[in-house]
Amino acid sequence: MELNSVYICGFMGGYEWILIILVVVLLFGGRKIPELMKGLGQGMKEFKNARNENDKEEDKKTSEEKQ
């Protein structure tokens, strides 16, 4: 973990997390939250796949240059 994420999460207690969750539920409603999480998961999956494809292309170029 990066130092910044440890710093931010380290100072947030239970009441702060409850307040954040309450605000999210009030803003988006109980029905929209699963849809938002599904979209977030799909976006993360697409990002990971794109990153892996990019890594494979770089490895292929590197191996071609070595030959």
N, C-alpha and C. Protein backbone atom coordinates (compact mmCIF):
# COMPACT_ATOMS: atom_id res chain seq x y z
N MET A 1 0.84 -1.18 0.00
CA MET A 1 0.00 0.00 0.00
C MET A 1 0.88 1.24 0.00
N GLU A 2 0.39 2.25 -0.63
CA GLU A 2 1.12 3.50 -0.65
C GLU A 2 0.93 4.21 0.68
N LEU A 3 1.83 5.08 0.97
CA LEU A 3 1.78 5.82 2.22
C LEU A 3 0.54 6.69 2.30
N ASN A 4 0.13 7.28 1.19
CA ASN A 4 -1.04 8.16 1.21
C ASN A 4 -2.30 7.41 1.58
N SER A 5 -2.52 6.20 1.05
CA SER A 5 -3.73 5.45 1.36
C SER A 5 -3.71 4.99 2.81
N VAL A 6 -2.56 4.64 3.33
CA VAL A 6 -2.46 4.26 4.74
C VAL A 6 -2.76 5.47 5.61
N TYR A 7 -2.26 6.62 5.22
CA TYR A 7 -2.47 7.84 5.99
C TYR A 7 -3.95 8.20 6.03
N ILE A 8 -4.63 8.12 4.89
CA ILE A 8 -6.04 8.50 4.84
C ILE A 8 -6.89 7.50 5.60
N CYS A 9 -6.72 6.22 5.36
CA CYS A 9 -7.54 5.20 6.01
C CYS A 9 -7.20 5.04 7.48
N GLY A 10 -6.00 5.37 7.86
CA GLY A 10 -5.58 5.22 9.24
C GLY A 10 -6.29 6.15 10.20
N PHE A 11 -6.76 7.28 9.72
CA PHE A 11 -7.40 8.25 10.59
C PHE A 11 -8.92 8.24 10.48
N MET A 12 -9.47 7.28 9.76
CA MET A 12 -10.92 7.19 9.63
C MET A 12 -11.41 6.06 10.53
N GLY A 13 -12.27 6.41 11.46
CA GLY A 13 -12.81 5.42 12.37
C GLY A 13 -14.15 4.90 11.88
N GLY A 14 -14.81 4.14 12.73
CA GLY A 14 -16.08 3.53 12.37
C GLY A 14 -17.17 4.53 12.07
N TYR A 15 -17.24 5.60 12.85
CA TYR A 15 -18.29 6.59 12.64
C TYR A 15 -18.12 7.31 11.31
N GLU A 16 -16.90 7.56 10.91
CA GLU A 16 -16.66 8.22 9.63
C GLU A 16 -17.11 7.34 8.47
N TRP A 17 -16.79 6.04 8.55
CA TRP A 17 -17.20 5.12 7.48
C TRP A 17 -18.72 5.00 7.43
N ILE A 18 -19.37 4.94 8.58
CA ILE A 18 -20.83 4.87 8.62
C ILE A 18 -21.44 6.11 7.99
N LEU A 19 -20.88 7.27 8.29
CA LEU A 19 -21.37 8.52 7.72
C LEU A 19 -21.20 8.53 6.21
N ILE A 20 -20.07 8.08 5.72
CA ILE A 20 -19.83 8.03 4.27
C ILE A 20 -20.83 7.09 3.60
N ILE A 21 -21.04 5.92 4.17
CA ILE A 21 -21.99 4.95 3.60
C ILE A 21 -23.40 5.52 3.61
N LEU A 22 -23.77 6.19 4.69
CA LEU A 22 -25.10 6.81 4.78
C LEU A 22 -25.29 7.87 3.70
N VAL A 23 -24.28 8.70 3.48
CA VAL A 23 -24.37 9.73 2.45
C VAL A 23 -24.50 9.10 1.06
N VAL A 24 -23.73 8.04 0.80
CA VAL A 24 -23.81 7.36 -0.50
C VAL A 24 -25.20 6.78 -0.71
N VAL A 25 -25.77 6.15 0.32
CA VAL A 25 -27.11 5.57 0.20
C VAL A 25 -28.14 6.67 -0.03
N LEU A 26 -28.00 7.79 0.66
CA LEU A 26 -28.94 8.89 0.46
C LEU A 26 -28.83 9.50 -0.93
N LEU A 27 -27.62 9.61 -1.45
CA LEU A 27 -27.43 10.21 -2.77
C LEU A 27 -27.91 9.30 -3.89
N PHE A 28 -27.58 8.02 -3.82
CA PHE A 28 -27.85 7.12 -4.93
C PHE A 28 -29.04 6.21 -4.71
N GLY A 29 -29.46 6.03 -3.49
CA GLY A 29 -30.56 5.12 -3.22
C GLY A 29 -30.07 3.69 -3.13
N GLY A 30 -30.83 2.87 -2.45
CA GLY A 30 -30.44 1.48 -2.24
C GLY A 30 -30.43 0.65 -3.51
N ARG A 31 -31.24 1.01 -4.49
CA ARG A 31 -31.33 0.22 -5.71
C ARG A 31 -30.19 0.50 -6.67
N LYS A 32 -29.65 1.70 -6.65
CA LYS A 32 -28.60 2.07 -7.60
C LYS A 32 -27.22 1.59 -7.17
N ILE A 33 -27.01 1.34 -5.90
CA ILE A 33 -25.68 0.96 -5.40
C ILE A 33 -25.18 -0.34 -6.04
N PRO A 34 -26.00 -1.41 -6.12
CA PRO A 34 -25.49 -2.61 -6.80
C PRO A 34 -25.12 -2.36 -8.26
N GLU A 35 -25.90 -1.52 -8.94
CA GLU A 35 -25.57 -1.19 -10.33
C GLU A 35 -24.26 -0.43 -10.41
N LEU A 36 -24.04 0.49 -9.48
CA LEU A 36 -22.79 1.25 -9.45
C LEU A 36 -21.60 0.33 -9.19
N MET A 37 -21.75 -0.60 -8.26
CA MET A 37 -20.67 -1.53 -7.94
C MET A 37 -20.39 -2.46 -9.12
N LYS A 38 -21.44 -2.88 -9.82
CA LYS A 38 -21.26 -3.74 -11.00
C LYS A 38 -20.49 -2.98 -12.08
N GLY A 39 -20.87 -1.73 -12.31
CA GLY A 39 -20.16 -0.92 -13.30
C GLY A 39 -18.72 -0.69 -12.91
N LEU A 40 -18.48 -0.46 -11.63
CA LEU A 40 -17.11 -0.27 -11.15
C LEU A 40 -16.29 -1.53 -11.35
N GLY A 41 -16.87 -2.68 -11.05
CA GLY A 41 -16.17 -3.95 -11.24
C GLY A 41 -15.85 -4.22 -12.70
N GLN A 42 -16.79 -3.92 -13.58
CA GLN A 42 -16.55 -4.12 -15.01
C GLN A 42 -15.45 -3.18 -15.50
N GLY A 43 -15.47 -1.95 -15.02
CA GLY A 43 -14.43 -1.00 -15.42
C GLY A 43 -13.05 -1.45 -14.96
N MET A 44 -12.97 -1.96 -13.74
CA MET A 44 -11.69 -2.45 -13.22
C MET A 44 -11.21 -3.65 -14.03
N LYS A 45 -12.15 -4.53 -14.40
CA LYS A 45 -11.79 -5.71 -15.19
C LYS A 45 -11.27 -5.30 -16.57
N GLU A 46 -11.94 -4.34 -17.21
CA GLU A 46 -11.50 -3.87 -18.52
C GLU A 46 -10.13 -3.21 -18.43
N PHE A 47 -9.90 -2.44 -17.38
CA PHE A 47 -8.60 -1.80 -17.18
C PHE A 47 -7.51 -2.84 -17.01
N LYS A 48 -7.79 -3.86 -16.22
CA LYS A 48 -6.80 -4.92 -15.98
C LYS A 48 -6.49 -5.66 -17.28
N ASN A 49 -7.53 -5.96 -18.06
CA ASN A 49 -7.31 -6.65 -19.34
C ASN A 49 -6.48 -5.80 -20.29
N ALA A 50 -6.77 -4.51 -20.36
CA ALA A 50 -6.01 -3.62 -21.24
C ALA A 50 -4.56 -3.53 -20.79
N ARG A 51 -4.35 -3.47 -19.50
CA ARG A 51 -2.98 -3.42 -18.97
C ARG A 51 -2.22 -4.69 -19.30
N ASN A 52 -2.89 -5.85 -19.17
CA ASN A 52 -2.24 -7.12 -19.49
C ASN A 52 -1.91 -7.22 -20.97
N GLU A 53 -2.82 -6.74 -21.83
CA GLU A 53 -2.55 -6.75 -23.27
C GLU A 53 -1.36 -5.86 -23.60
N ASN A 54 -1.28 -4.72 -22.95
CA ASN A 54 -0.16 -3.81 -23.17
C ASN A 54 1.15 -4.45 -22.73
N ASP A 55 1.13 -5.14 -21.60
CA ASP A 55 2.34 -5.82 -21.12
C ASP A 55 2.77 -6.91 -22.10
N LYS A 56 1.81 -7.65 -22.65
CA LYS A 56 2.14 -8.71 -23.61
C LYS A 56 2.77 -8.12 -24.87
N GLU A 57 2.22 -6.99 -25.34
CA GLU A 57 2.78 -6.35 -26.53
C GLU A 57 4.21 -5.88 -26.27
N GLU A 58 4.45 -5.31 -25.10
CA GLU A 58 5.80 -4.85 -24.76
C GLU A 58 6.76 -6.02 -24.67
N ASP A 59 6.32 -7.13 -24.08
CA ASP A 59 7.18 -8.32 -23.99
C ASP A 59 7.50 -8.86 -25.37
N LYS A 60 6.51 -8.84 -26.26
CA LYS A 60 6.72 -9.32 -27.62
C LYS A 60 7.73 -8.44 -28.35
N LYS A 61 7.61 -7.13 -28.20
CA LYS A 61 8.55 -6.20 -28.85
C LYS A 61 9.95 -6.39 -28.29
N THR A 62 10.05 -6.58 -26.99
CA THR A 62 11.35 -6.77 -26.35
C THR A 62 12.01 -8.06 -26.84
N SER A 63 11.23 -9.13 -26.94
CA SER A 63 11.80 -10.40 -27.39
C SER A 63 12.21 -10.33 -28.86
N GLU A 64 11.46 -9.57 -29.67
CA GLU A 64 11.83 -9.41 -31.09
C GLU A 64 13.11 -8.60 -31.23
N GLU A 65 13.29 -7.60 -30.38
CA GLU A 65 14.50 -6.77 -30.43
C GLU A 65 15.74 -7.57 -30.03
N LYS A 66 15.59 -8.51 -29.12
CA LYS A 66 16.73 -9.31 -28.66
C LYS A 66 17.21 -10.28 -29.73
N GLN A 67 16.34 -10.66 -30.63
CA GLN A 67 16.71 -11.65 -31.66
C GLN A 67 17.48 -11.03 -32.75
